Amino acid sequence: MGKQEVKLTNQNKIYWPDEGYTKGDLITYYDQMSKFILPYLKDRPESLNRFPNGIKGPNFYHKDAGDSAPNWVTSVEVYSESNNKNIDYIVCNDKATLLYLANLGCIEMNPWNSTVKKQEYPTYLIIDIDPGDKNTFEQVIEVALATKQVLDECGVRSYCKTSGSSGLHVFVPMGNKYDYELVKNFAHLTAMKVTELLPDFTTLERNLKKEVPAKYTWTTCKTGVGKPLPVPIVYGRKRGHRFHPFRLERSEKGLHPSQFDIYTVPKRVAATGDIFKPVLGRGADIMKCLKKMEG
């Protein structure tokens, strides 16, 4: 860990009772996968979701680095309108900090969509495909494929990952070129086009009421300053599944989030490399895409 010394505690504590995964398993995984995870955390304020007694115990969000963080942990002070004060956010730029956060019980790593230097300009947009209780994962895949079709038709590349539970996230690289409002509008228009393609089981409603059929799937947009979302290849709270990327093709329709766990992910990443890396690269030309969509 270089000159930084990370004190690890309670390694045998069970974090996922059903699978028997421990806190030590969590830390070992982040240690092994750090070179793939860190690029998605670099220079981004972190909103830490802590589960000190595992996924079946209480969890809480921890944003302020406070006096307890080691002096080698990088942080940045950002004014929070919702809290009406400055918050000293931790920024995870190295393995030592990553393992320090894991030792705090941060099962999920939740960085901002934007960086410290360009806080108002997201690196990517995220379309969250969140199924209802009675939707199948096949339907979720179908919605993701329709999202890819809409984006492909206007010349925009997209990248898909599991959401850590039962849904999918579709990312589009923005390259920190556009402000959040424009990106949010583009994401909303994309979602509208998807609902036109699949009207029978998609909706833009965020909260499904009882009178809405259970077959509906929500399609929502997660984009905004300080609205973090877990990055690829990190743990999900449900059954130790990962927020894992995969190539979205018709051949993937038999896929299920349960396939991505503590044992399968390192092998898969070793074989494929980081297929999600382009989301951190050159951004899409959404102005050109908007003209195509509206044309």
Foldseek 3Di string as FASTA:
>chain_A
DPPDDADAPDQCQQAQVVVSHGLVLQLVLCLLCVVVQQVQQAQFFWFFWADQRHLVGDIDTDAACPPPHDPPFDWDWDQDPVVRGIGTGTGDRDSSVVSNSSRRRRQFTWTAQCGPVLLQFGQKWKKKWAAFPPEDLLVQLVLVVLLQVLQVVLPFDWWKWAQQPRHIIIITGARSPDGQVVNQVLQVLSLVSSCVVPVPAEDCDPDDDPVPDNSHIYIYIQTDRPRIGGDFPTFHRPPQFTRHIDDSDPVCSVPGSVCGHSPRVVVVCVVVPNPPVCSNDDGDPVVSSVVVSVD
